[in-house]
Amino acid sequence: MDTGTWETVERLVGWLDRESVHSPEAERLLRILKVSEEAGEVARAVIGATGQNPRKGTTHSWTDVQHELCDVALTALVALRSLTPDAASVFAERLAHVDGRSRGRAG
């Protein structure tokens, strides 16, 4: 992930920290819970894009789903950075681990 992404995440975390009315501990927990909320919005968009709810019909597009998935990813990065100042290296290490596992390499 490029450094610009992490610089943006850092700015967002700073902004959220400045605007927070909660203790740092509560704020970290709430940011983690926010990932679940965003995932629910992905589900809602998929249901809307497929017209799965006959009462509502088609209410979303696949572009909406893409945007909601980006919101999940960004929210997760903000939550990760809220847990550790080393979020970029933690993420890079985990990405390498999952990549290695997908290629049949353990570790």
PDB file of N, CA and C in Angstrom:
ATOM      1  N   MET A   1       0.856  -1.168   0.000  1.00  0.00           N
ATOM      2  CA  MET A   1       0.000   0.000   0.000  1.00  0.00           C
ATOM      3  C   MET A   1       0.902   1.230   0.000  1.00  0.00           C
ATOM      4  N   ASP A   2       0.539   2.218  -0.799  1.00  0.00           N
ATOM      5  CA  ASP A   2       1.415   3.380  -0.918  1.00  0.00           C
ATOM      6  C   ASP A   2       1.378   4.249   0.345  1.00  0.00           C
ATOM      7  N   THR A   3       2.404   5.051   0.489  1.00  0.00           N
ATOM      8  CA  THR A   3       2.506   5.887   1.693  1.00  0.00           C
ATOM      9  C   THR A   3       1.409   6.937   1.749  1.00  0.00           C
ATOM     10  N   GLY A   4       0.904   7.363   0.587  1.00  0.00           N
ATOM     11  CA  GLY A   4      -0.186   8.339   0.576  1.00  0.00           C
ATOM     12  C   GLY A   4      -1.424   7.823   1.273  1.00  0.00           C
ATOM     13  N   THR A   5      -1.690   6.541   1.093  1.00  0.00           N
ATOM     14  CA  THR A   5      -2.843   5.939   1.768  1.00  0.00           C
ATOM     15  C   THR A   5      -2.669   6.022   3.271  1.00  0.00           C
ATOM     16  N   TRP A   6      -1.487   5.651   3.748  1.00  0.00           N
ATOM     17  CA  TRP A   6      -1.255   5.673   5.196  1.00  0.00           C
ATOM     18  C   TRP A   6      -1.214   7.096   5.746  1.00  0.00           C
ATOM     19  N   GLU A   7      -0.742   8.052   4.931  1.00  0.00           N
ATOM     20  CA  GLU A   7      -0.784   9.457   5.366  1.00  0.00           C
ATOM     21  C   GLU A   7      -2.229   9.916   5.530  1.00  0.00           C
ATOM     22  N   THR A   8      -3.088   9.504   4.610  1.00  0.00           N
ATOM     23  CA  THR A   8      -4.512   9.841   4.706  1.00  0.00           C
ATOM     24  C   THR A   8      -5.136   9.188   5.928  1.00  0.00           C
ATOM     25  N   VAL A   9      -4.829   7.910   6.159  1.00  0.00           N
ATOM     26  CA  VAL A   9      -5.346   7.218   7.342  1.00  0.00           C
ATOM     27  C   VAL A   9      -4.894   7.955   8.603  1.00  0.00           C
ATOM     28  N   GLU A  10      -3.646   8.360   8.639  1.00  0.00           N
ATOM     29  CA  GLU A  10      -3.115   9.088   9.798  1.00  0.00           C
ATOM     30  C   GLU A  10      -3.890  10.383  10.022  1.00  0.00           C
ATOM     31  N   ARG A  11      -4.164  11.128   8.943  1.00  0.00           N
ATOM     32  CA  ARG A  11      -4.943  12.368   9.071  1.00  0.00           C
ATOM     33  C   ARG A  11      -6.355  12.085   9.579  1.00  0.00           C
ATOM     34  N   LEU A  12      -6.972  11.025   9.057  1.00  0.00           N
ATOM     35  CA  LEU A  12      -8.321  10.674   9.497  1.00  0.00           C
ATOM     36  C   LEU A  12      -8.344  10.304  10.981  1.00  0.00           C
ATOM     37  N   VAL A  13      -7.362   9.526  11.411  1.00  0.00           N
ATOM     38  CA  VAL A  13      -7.295   9.147  12.827  1.00  0.00           C
ATOM     39  C   VAL A  13      -7.110  10.392  13.695  1.00  0.00           C
ATOM     40  N   GLY A  14      -6.241  11.303  13.267  1.00  0.00           N
ATOM     41  CA  GLY A  14      -6.045  12.545  14.019  1.00  0.00           C
ATOM     42  C   GLY A  14      -7.322  13.358  14.121  1.00  0.00           C
ATOM     43  N   TRP A  15      -8.031  13.458  13.002  1.00  0.00           N
ATOM     44  CA  TRP A  15      -9.300  14.184  12.988  1.00  0.00           C
ATOM     45  C   TRP A  15     -10.313  13.525  13.925  1.00  0.00           C
ATOM     46  N   LEU A  16     -10.446  12.205  13.823  1.00  0.00           N
ATOM     47  CA  LEU A  16     -11.378  11.485  14.698  1.00  0.00           C
ATOM     48  C   LEU A  16     -10.999  11.633  16.163  1.00  0.00           C
ATOM     49  N   ASP A  17      -9.698  11.564  16.446  1.00  0.00           N
ATOM     50  CA  ASP A  17      -9.239  11.738  17.830  1.00  0.00           C
ATOM     51  C   ASP A  17      -9.606  13.119  18.362  1.00  0.00           C
ATOM     52  N   ARG A  18      -9.408  14.140  17.535  1.00  0.00           N
ATOM     53  CA  ARG A  18      -9.720  15.507  17.980  1.00  0.00           C
ATOM     54  C   ARG A  18     -11.217  15.704  18.212  1.00  0.00           C
ATOM     55  N   GLU A  19     -12.041  15.050  17.424  1.00  0.00           N
ATOM     56  CA  GLU A  19     -13.496  15.226  17.510  1.00  0.00           C
ATOM     57  C   GLU A  19     -14.163  14.290  18.515  1.00  0.00           C
ATOM     58  N   SER A  20     -13.436  13.331  19.033  1.00  0.00           N
ATOM     59  CA  SER A  20     -14.016  12.308  19.903  1.00  0.00           C
ATOM     60  C   SER A  20     -14.456  12.879  21.243  1.00  0.00           C
ATOM     61  N   VAL A  21     -15.570  12.357  21.728  1.00  0.00           N
ATOM     62  CA  VAL A  21     -16.047  12.706  23.068  1.00  0.00           C
ATOM     63  C   VAL A  21     -15.855  11.532  24.025  1.00  0.00           C
ATOM     64  N   HIS A  22     -15.209  10.461  23.533  1.00  0.00           N
ATOM     65  CA  HIS A  22     -15.016   9.236  24.312  1.00  0.00           C
ATOM     66  C   HIS A  22     -13.569   9.121  24.783  1.00  0.00           C
ATOM     67  N   SER A  23     -13.356   8.266  25.758  1.00  0.00           N
ATOM     68  CA  SER A  23     -11.995   7.983  26.194  1.00  0.00           C
ATOM     69  C   SER A  23     -11.264   7.289  25.051  1.00  0.00           C
ATOM     70  N   PRO A  24      -9.939   7.337  25.037  1.00  0.00           N
ATOM     71  CA  PRO A  24      -9.191   6.649  23.972  1.00  0.00           C
ATOM     72  C   PRO A  24      -9.519   5.157  23.893  1.00  0.00           C
ATOM     73  N   GLU A  25      -9.720   4.519  25.048  1.00  0.00           N
ATOM     74  CA  GLU A  25     -10.045   3.093  25.056  1.00  0.00           C
ATOM     75  C   GLU A  25     -11.400   2.838  24.396  1.00  0.00           C
ATOM     76  N   ALA A  26     -12.391   3.631  24.760  1.00  0.00           N
ATOM     77  CA  ALA A  26     -13.727   3.477  24.171  1.00  0.00           C
ATOM     78  C   ALA A  26     -13.686   3.792  22.680  1.00  0.00           C
ATOM     79  N   GLU A  27     -12.940   4.803  22.304  1.00  0.00           N
ATOM     80  CA  GLU A  27     -12.848   5.187  20.897  1.00  0.00           C
ATOM     81  C   GLU A  27     -12.274   4.053  20.058  1.00  0.00           C
ATOM     82  N   ARG A  28     -11.235   3.393  20.556  1.00  0.00           N
ATOM     83  CA  ARG A  28     -10.658   2.253  19.817  1.00  0.00           C
ATOM     84  C   ARG A  28     -11.697   1.163  19.613  1.00  0.00           C
ATOM     85  N   LEU A  29     -12.417   0.831  20.657  1.00  0.00           N
ATOM     86  CA  LEU A  29     -13.449  -0.209  20.547  1.00  0.00           C
ATOM     87  C   LEU A  29     -14.543   0.193  19.560  1.00  0.00           C
ATOM     88  N   LEU A  30     -14.971   1.438  19.618  1.00  0.00           N
ATOM     89  CA  LEU A  30     -16.021   1.907  18.714  1.00  0.00           C
ATOM     90  C   LEU A  30     -15.557   1.888  17.256  1.00  0.00           C
ATOM     91  N   ARG A  31     -14.289   2.187  17.032  1.00  0.00           N
ATOM     92  CA  ARG A  31     -13.767   2.145  15.656  1.00  0.00           C
ATOM     93  C   ARG A  31     -13.720   0.712  15.131  1.00  0.00           C
ATOM     94  N   ILE A  32     -13.436  -0.232  16.006  1.00  0.00           N
ATOM     95  CA  ILE A  32     -13.463  -1.644  15.596  1.00  0.00           C
ATOM     96  C   ILE A  32     -14.898  -2.054  15.276  1.00  0.00           C
ATOM     97  N   LEU A  33     -15.849  -1.670  16.113  1.00  0.00           N
ATOM     98  CA  LEU A  33     -17.255  -1.985  15.867  1.00  0.00           C
ATOM     99  C   LEU A  33     -17.765  -1.333  14.582  1.00  0.00           C
ATOM    100  N   LYS A  34     -17.222  -0.195  14.236  1.00  0.00           N
ATOM    101  CA  LYS A  34     -17.630   0.519  13.025  1.00  0.00           C
ATOM    102  C   LYS A  34     -17.380  -0.336  11.779  1.00  0.00           C
ATOM    103  N   VAL A  35     -16.380  -1.211  11.820  1.00  0.00           N
ATOM    104  CA  VAL A  35     -16.113  -2.108  10.685  1.00  0.00           C
ATOM    105  C   VAL A  35     -17.335  -2.988  10.431  1.00  0.00           C
ATOM    106  N   SER A  36     -17.947  -3.503  11.481  1.00  0.00           N
ATOM    107  CA  SER A  36     -19.152  -4.322  11.329  1.00  0.00           C
ATOM    108  C   SER A  36     -20.307  -3.516  10.753  1.00  0.00           C
ATOM    109  N   GLU A  37     -20.446  -2.299  11.191  1.00  0.00           N
ATOM    110  CA  GLU A  37     -21.507  -1.447  10.642  1.00  0.00           C
ATOM    111  C   GLU A  37     -21.307  -1.254   9.141  1.00  0.00           C
ATOM    112  N   GLU A  38     -20.085  -0.978   8.749  1.00  0.00           N
ATOM    113  CA  GLU A  38     -19.800  -0.777   7.320  1.00  0.00           C
ATOM    114  C   GLU A  38     -20.032  -2.059   6.526  1.00  0.00           C
ATOM    115  N   ALA A  39     -19.690  -3.210   7.102  1.00  0.00           N
ATOM    116  CA  ALA A  39     -19.944  -4.486   6.418  1.00  0.00           C
ATOM    117  C   ALA A  39     -21.441  -4.691   6.214  1.00  0.00           C
ATOM    118  N   GLY A  40     -22.233  -4.271   7.165  1.00  0.00           N
ATOM    119  CA  GLY A  40     -23.684  -4.343   7.008  1.00  0.00           C
ATOM    120  C   GLY A  40     -24.167  -3.478   5.856  1.00  0.00           C
ATOM    121  N   GLU A  41     -23.511  -2.353   5.640  1.00  0.00           N
ATOM    122  CA  GLU A  41     -23.876  -1.489   4.518  1.00  0.00           C
ATOM    123  C   GLU A  41     -23.519  -2.144   3.188  1.00  0.00           C
ATOM    124  N   VAL A  42     -22.448  -2.938   3.156  1.00  0.00           N
ATOM    125  CA  VAL A  42     -22.134  -3.711   1.954  1.00  0.00           C
ATOM    126  C   VAL A  42     -23.262  -4.695   1.675  1.00  0.00           C
ATOM    127  N   ALA A  43     -23.687  -5.403   2.705  1.00  0.00           N
ATOM    128  CA  ALA A  43     -24.769  -6.381   2.543  1.00  0.00           C
ATOM    129  C   ALA A  43     -26.031  -5.697   2.036  1.00  0.00           C
ATOM    130  N   ARG A  44     -26.363  -4.553   2.600  1.00  0.00           N
ATOM    131  CA  ARG A  44     -27.548  -3.810   2.166  1.00  0.00           C
ATOM    132  C   ARG A  44     -27.420  -3.411   0.698  1.00  0.00           C
ATOM    133  N   ALA A  45     -26.239  -2.978   0.288  1.00  0.00           N
ATOM    134  CA  ALA A  45     -26.032  -2.576  -1.108  1.00  0.00           C
ATOM    135  C   ALA A  45     -26.139  -3.769  -2.056  1.00  0.00           C
ATOM    136  N   VAL A  46     -25.605  -4.931  -1.650  1.00  0.00           N
ATOM    137  CA  VAL A  46     -25.711  -6.130  -2.491  1.00  0.00           C
ATOM    138  C   VAL A  46     -27.172  -6.538  -2.641  1.00  0.00           C
ATOM    139  N   ILE A  47     -27.897  -6.525  -1.535  1.00  0.00           N
ATOM    140  CA  ILE A  47     -29.324  -6.858  -1.586  1.00  0.00           C
ATOM    141  C   ILE A  47     -30.053  -5.871  -2.500  1.00  0.00           C
ATOM    142  N   GLY A  48     -29.699  -4.613  -2.389  1.00  0.00           N
ATOM    143  CA  GLY A  48     -30.316  -3.597  -3.238  1.00  0.00           C
ATOM    144  C   GLY A  48     -29.916  -3.711  -4.700  1.00  0.00           C
ATOM    145  N   ALA A  49     -28.679  -4.097  -4.961  1.00  0.00           N
ATOM    146  CA  ALA A  49     -28.206  -4.228  -6.346  1.00  0.00           C
ATOM    147  C   ALA A  49     -28.816  -5.439  -7.047  1.00  0.00           C
ATOM    148  N   THR A  50     -29.148  -6.453  -6.273  1.00  0.00           N
ATOM    149  CA  THR A  50     -29.730  -7.662  -6.858  1.00  0.00           C
ATOM    150  C   THR A  50     -31.255  -7.645  -6.821  1.00  0.00           C
ATOM    151  N   GLY A  51     -31.845  -6.624  -6.204  1.00  0.00           N
ATOM    152  CA  GLY A  51     -33.296  -6.550  -6.107  1.00  0.00           C
ATOM    153  C   GLY A  51     -33.873  -7.655  -5.245  1.00  0.00           C
ATOM    154  N   GLN A  52     -33.095  -8.102  -4.277  1.00  0.00           N
ATOM    155  CA  GLN A  52     -33.470  -9.244  -3.441  1.00  0.00           C
ATOM    156  C   GLN A  52     -34.703  -8.987  -2.586  1.00  0.00           C
ATOM    157  N   ASN A  53     -34.961  -7.732  -2.260  1.00  0.00           N
ATOM    158  CA  ASN A  53     -36.141  -7.395  -1.462  1.00  0.00           C
ATOM    159  C   ASN A  53     -37.263  -6.996  -2.420  1.00  0.00           C
ATOM    160  N   PRO A  54     -38.258  -7.863  -2.615  1.00  0.00           N
ATOM    161  CA  PRO A  54     -39.304  -7.563  -3.597  1.00  0.00           C
ATOM    162  C   PRO A  54     -40.119  -6.310  -3.262  1.00  0.00           C
ATOM    163  N   ARG A  55     -40.183  -5.975  -2.017  1.00  0.00           N
ATOM    164  CA  ARG A  55     -40.920  -4.774  -1.618  1.00  0.00           C
ATOM    165  C   ARG A  55     -40.205  -3.501  -2.081  1.00  0.00           C
ATOM    166  N   LYS A  56     -38.877  -3.530  -2.080  1.00  0.00           N
ATOM    167  CA  LYS A  56     -38.102  -2.343  -2.438  1.00  0.00           C
ATOM    168  C   LYS A  56     -37.594  -2.383  -3.874  1.00  0.00           C
ATOM    169  N   GLY A  57     -37.392  -3.578  -4.416  1.00  0.00           N
ATOM    170  CA  GLY A  57     -36.847  -3.683  -5.774  1.00  0.00           C
ATOM    171  C   GLY A  57     -35.366  -3.357  -5.802  1.00  0.00           C
ATOM    172  N   THR A  58     -34.883  -2.934  -6.944  1.00  0.00           N
ATOM    173  CA  THR A  58     -33.466  -2.581  -7.103  1.00  0.00           C
ATOM    174  C   THR A  58     -33.257  -1.163  -6.591  1.00  0.00           C
ATOM    175  N   THR A  59     -32.477  -1.051  -5.545  1.00  0.00           N
ATOM    176  CA  THR A  59     -32.270   0.241  -4.884  1.00  0.00           C
ATOM    177  C   THR A  59     -30.818   0.707  -4.931  1.00  0.00           C
ATOM    178  N   HIS A  60     -29.906  -0.184  -5.331  1.00  0.00           N
ATOM    179  CA  HIS A  60     -28.480   0.142  -5.358  1.00  0.00           C
ATOM    180  C   HIS A  60     -27.880  -0.347  -6.672  1.00  0.00           C
ATOM    181  N   SER A  61     -26.681   0.138  -6.946  1.00  0.00           N
ATOM    182  CA  SER A  61     -25.926  -0.319  -8.114  1.00  0.00           C
ATOM    183  C   SER A  61     -24.684  -1.061  -7.634  1.00  0.00           C
ATOM    184  N   TRP A  62     -24.019  -1.730  -8.561  1.00  0.00           N
ATOM    185  CA  TRP A  62     -22.766  -2.397  -8.203  1.00  0.00           C
ATOM    186  C   TRP A  62     -21.681  -1.371  -7.887  1.00  0.00           C
ATOM    187  N   THR A  63     -21.821  -0.172  -8.403  1.00  0.00           N
ATOM    188  CA  THR A  63     -20.904   0.907  -8.015  1.00  0.00           C
ATOM    189  C   THR A  63     -21.099   1.248  -6.544  1.00  0.00           C
ATOM    190  N   ASP A  64     -22.352   1.229  -6.079  1.00  0.00           N
ATOM    191  CA  ASP A  64     -22.614   1.442  -4.653  1.00  0.00           C
ATOM    192  C   ASP A  64     -21.925   0.368  -3.818  1.00  0.00           C
ATOM    193  N   VAL A  65     -21.963  -0.874  -4.288  1.00  0.00           N
ATOM    194  CA  VAL A  65     -21.302  -1.974  -3.572  1.00  0.00           C
ATOM    195  C   VAL A  65     -19.802  -1.715  -3.507  1.00  0.00           C
ATOM    196  N   GLN A  66     -19.223  -1.293  -4.623  1.00  0.00           N
ATOM    197  CA  GLN A  66     -17.784  -0.981  -4.641  1.00  0.00           C
ATOM    198  C   GLN A  66     -17.452   0.096  -3.619  1.00  0.00           C
ATOM    199  N   HIS A  67     -18.256   1.143  -3.574  1.00  0.00           N
ATOM    200  CA  HIS A  67     -18.011   2.229  -2.617  1.00  0.00           C
ATOM    201  C   HIS A  67     -18.117   1.744  -1.178  1.00  0.00           C
ATOM    202  N   GLU A  68     -19.101   0.912  -0.916  1.00  0.00           N
ATOM    203  CA  GLU A  68     -19.269   0.381   0.445  1.00  0.00           C
ATOM    204  C   GLU A  68     -18.099  -0.524   0.833  1.00  0.00           C
ATOM    205  N   LEU A  69     -17.600  -1.309  -0.124  1.00  0.00           N
ATOM    206  CA  LEU A  69     -16.419  -2.143   0.161  1.00  0.00           C
ATOM    207  C   LEU A  69     -15.205  -1.278   0.476  1.00  0.00           C
ATOM    208  N   CYS A  70     -15.068  -0.172  -0.232  1.00  0.00           N
ATOM    209  CA  CYS A  70     -13.969   0.757   0.074  1.00  0.00           C
ATOM    210  C   CYS A  70     -14.132   1.330   1.477  1.00  0.00           C
ATOM    211  N   ASP A  71     -15.378   1.633   1.856  1.00  0.00           N
ATOM    212  CA  ASP A  71     -15.624   2.140   3.207  1.00  0.00           C
ATOM    213  C   ASP A  71     -15.223   1.115   4.265  1.00  0.00           C
ATOM    214  N   VAL A  72     -15.497  -0.176   4.004  1.00  0.00           N
ATOM    215  CA  VAL A  72     -15.088  -1.230   4.940  1.00  0.00           C
ATOM    216  C   VAL A  72     -13.568  -1.248   5.071  1.00  0.00           C
ATOM    217  N   ALA A  73     -12.879  -1.233   3.931  1.00  0.00           N
ATOM    218  CA  ALA A  73     -11.407  -1.289   3.951  1.00  0.00           C
ATOM    219  C   ALA A  73     -10.833  -0.081   4.687  1.00  0.00           C
ATOM    220  N   LEU A  74     -11.330   1.107   4.372  1.00  0.00           N
ATOM    221  CA  LEU A  74     -10.821   2.310   5.014  1.00  0.00           C
ATOM    222  C   LEU A  74     -11.116   2.313   6.510  1.00  0.00           C
ATOM    223  N   THR A  75     -12.310   1.904   6.880  1.00  0.00           N
ATOM    224  CA  THR A  75     -12.673   1.846   8.293  1.00  0.00           C
ATOM    225  C   THR A  75     -11.783   0.861   9.042  1.00  0.00           C
ATOM    226  N   ALA A  76     -11.469  -0.268   8.409  1.00  0.00           N
ATOM    227  CA  ALA A  76     -10.581  -1.254   9.039  1.00  0.00           C
ATOM    228  C   ALA A  76      -9.176  -0.683   9.200  1.00  0.00           C
ATOM    229  N   LEU A  77      -8.690   0.056   8.211  1.00  0.00           N
ATOM    230  CA  LEU A  77      -7.354   0.660   8.332  1.00  0.00           C
ATOM    231  C   LEU A  77      -7.324   1.700   9.440  1.00  0.00           C
ATOM    232  N   VAL A  78      -8.382   2.479   9.559  1.00  0.00           N
ATOM    233  CA  VAL A  78      -8.457   3.470  10.637  1.00  0.00           C
ATOM    234  C   VAL A  78      -8.485   2.755  11.997  1.00  0.00           C
ATOM    235  N   ALA A  79      -9.261   1.684  12.094  1.00  0.00           N
ATOM    236  CA  ALA A  79      -9.316   0.936  13.354  1.00  0.00           C
ATOM    237  C   ALA A  79      -7.945   0.344  13.686  1.00  0.00           C
ATOM    238  N   LEU A  80      -7.279  -0.216  12.670  1.00  0.00           N
ATOM    239  CA  LEU A  80      -5.945  -0.784  12.893  1.00  0.00           C
ATOM    240  C   LEU A  80      -4.974   0.294  13.365  1.00  0.00           C
ATOM    241  N   ARG A  81      -4.995   1.449  12.715  1.00  0.00           N
ATOM    242  CA  ARG A  81      -4.090   2.535  13.114  1.00  0.00           C
ATOM    243  C   ARG A  81      -4.430   3.037  14.514  1.00  0.00           C
ATOM    244  N   SER A  82      -5.690   2.955  14.895  1.00  0.00           N
ATOM    245  CA  SER A  82      -6.095   3.365  16.241  1.00  0.00           C
ATOM    246  C   SER A  82      -5.568   2.407  17.305  1.00  0.00           C
ATOM    247  N   LEU A  83      -5.264   1.172  16.900  1.00  0.00           N
ATOM    248  CA  LEU A  83      -4.709   0.184  17.827  1.00  0.00           C
ATOM    249  C   LEU A  83      -3.198   0.265  17.937  1.00  0.00           C
ATOM    250  N   THR A  84      -2.540   0.660  16.837  1.00  0.00           N
ATOM    251  CA  THR A  84      -1.081   0.665  16.844  1.00  0.00           C
ATOM    252  C   THR A  84      -0.530   1.733  15.914  1.00  0.00           C
ATOM    253  N   PRO A  85       0.516   2.436  16.342  1.00  0.00           N
ATOM    254  CA  PRO A  85       1.157   3.394  15.436  1.00  0.00           C
ATOM    255  C   PRO A  85       1.906   2.684  14.302  1.00  0.00           C
ATOM    256  N   ASP A  86       2.137   1.380  14.438  1.00  0.00           N
ATOM    257  CA  ASP A  86       2.837   0.595  13.418  1.00  0.00           C
ATOM    258  C   ASP A  86       1.865  -0.092  12.462  1.00  0.00           C
ATOM    259  N   ALA A  87       0.707   0.521  12.232  1.00  0.00           N
ATOM    260  CA  ALA A  87      -0.333  -0.102  11.416  1.00  0.00           C
ATOM    261  C   ALA A  87       0.169  -0.490  10.026  1.00  0.00           C
ATOM    262  N   ALA A  88       0.956   0.359   9.404  1.00  0.00           N
ATOM    263  CA  ALA A  88       1.431   0.066   8.048  1.00  0.00           C
ATOM    264  C   ALA A  88       2.281  -1.199   8.029  1.00  0.00           C
ATOM    265  N   SER A  89       3.166  -1.357   8.990  1.00  0.00           N
ATOM    266  CA  SER A  89       4.011  -2.561   9.000  1.00  0.00           C
ATOM    267  C   SER A  89       3.207  -3.788   9.432  1.00  0.00           C
ATOM    268  N   VAL A  90       2.270  -3.625  10.356  1.00  0.00           N
ATOM    269  CA  VAL A  90       1.408  -4.744  10.752  1.00  0.00           C
ATOM    270  C   VAL A  90       0.614  -5.231   9.539  1.00  0.00           C
ATOM    271  N   PHE A  91       0.053  -4.292   8.784  1.00  0.00           N
ATOM    272  CA  PHE A  91      -0.719  -4.649   7.605  1.00  0.00           C
ATOM    273  C   PHE A  91       0.173  -5.317   6.549  1.00  0.00           C
ATOM    274  N   ALA A  92       1.347  -4.750   6.313  1.00  0.00           N
ATOM    275  CA  ALA A  92       2.267  -5.322   5.317  1.00  0.00           C
ATOM    276  C   ALA A  92       2.684  -6.741   5.702  1.00  0.00           C
ATOM    277  N   GLU A  93       2.967  -6.964   6.984  1.00  0.00           N
ATOM    278  CA  GLU A  93       3.334  -8.309   7.444  1.00  0.00           C
ATOM    279  C   GLU A  93       2.187  -9.293   7.258  1.00  0.00           C
ATOM    280  N   ARG A  94       0.980  -8.854   7.573  1.00  0.00           N
ATOM    281  CA  ARG A  94      -0.178  -9.743   7.421  1.00  0.00           C
ATOM    282  C   ARG A  94      -0.468 -10.033   5.954  1.00  0.00           C
ATOM    283  N   LEU A  95      -0.341  -9.020   5.120  1.00  0.00           N
ATOM    284  CA  LEU A  95      -0.526  -9.203   3.684  1.00  0.00           C
ATOM    285  C   LEU A  95       0.480 -10.210   3.138  1.00  0.00           C
ATOM    286  N   ALA A  96       1.736 -10.104   3.554  1.00  0.00           N
ATOM    287  CA  ALA A  96       2.766 -11.050   3.121  1.00  0.00           C
ATOM    288  C   ALA A  96       2.438 -12.460   3.614  1.00  0.00           C
ATOM    289  N   HIS A  97       1.944 -12.568   4.829  1.00  0.00           N
ATOM    290  CA  HIS A  97       1.576 -13.870   5.386  1.00  0.00           C
ATOM    291  C   HIS A  97       0.456 -14.518   4.565  1.00  0.00           C
ATOM    292  N   VAL A  98      -0.593 -13.756   4.303  1.00  0.00           N
ATOM    293  CA  VAL A  98      -1.729 -14.295   3.540  1.00  0.00           C
ATOM    294  C   VAL A  98      -1.298 -14.617   2.108  1.00  0.00           C
ATOM    295  N   ASP A  99      -0.476 -13.767   1.530  1.00  0.00           N
ATOM    296  CA  ASP A  99       0.025 -14.030   0.183  1.00  0.00           C
ATOM    297  C   ASP A  99       0.837 -15.321   0.159  1.00  0.00           C
ATOM    298  N   GLY A 100       1.721 -15.487   1.131  1.00  0.00           N
ATOM    299  CA  GLY A 100       2.516 -16.709   1.209  1.00  0.00           C
ATOM    300  C   GLY A 100       1.646 -17.942   1.389  1.00  0.00           C
ATOM    301  N   ARG A 101       0.643 -17.829   2.224  1.00  0.00           N
ATOM    302  CA  ARG A 101      -0.273 -18.946   2.450  1.00  0.00           C
ATOM    303  C   ARG A 101      -1.019 -19.306   1.162  1.00  0.00           C
ATOM    304  N   SER A 102      -1.393 -18.301   0.416  1.00  0.00           N
ATOM    305  CA  SER A 102      -2.123 -18.548  -0.841  1.00  0.00           C
ATOM    306  C   SER A 102      -1.234 -19.210  -1.891  1.00  0.00           C
ATOM    307  N   ARG A 103       0.049 -19.072  -1.731  1.00  0.00           N
ATOM    308  CA  ARG A 103       1.010 -19.681  -2.667  1.00  0.00           C
ATOM    309  C   ARG A 103       1.527 -21.023  -2.160  1.00  0.00           C
ATOM    310  N   GLY A 104       0.936 -21.496  -1.045  1.00  0.00           N
ATOM    311  CA  GLY A 104       1.322 -22.783  -0.491  1.00  0.00           C
ATOM    312  C   GLY A 104       2.539 -22.745   0.403  1.00  0.00           C
ATOM    313  N   ARG A 105       2.905 -21.535   0.850  1.00  0.00           N
ATOM    314  CA  ARG A 105       4.031 -21.404   1.770  1.00  0.00           C
ATOM    315  C   ARG A 105       3.498 -21.145   3.169  1.00  0.00           C
ATOM    316  N   ALA A 106       3.980 -21.876   4.130  1.00  0.00           N
ATOM    317  CA  ALA A 106       3.581 -21.665   5.529  1.00  0.00           C
ATOM    318  C   ALA A 106       4.370 -20.502   6.103  1.00  0.00           C
ATOM    319  N   GLY A 107       3.830 -19.923   7.194  1.00  0.00           N
ATOM    320  CA  GLY A 107       4.579 -18.895   7.904  1.00  0.00           C
ATOM    321  C   GLY A 107       4.060 -17.577   7.583  1.00  0.00           C
TER     322      GLY A 107
END
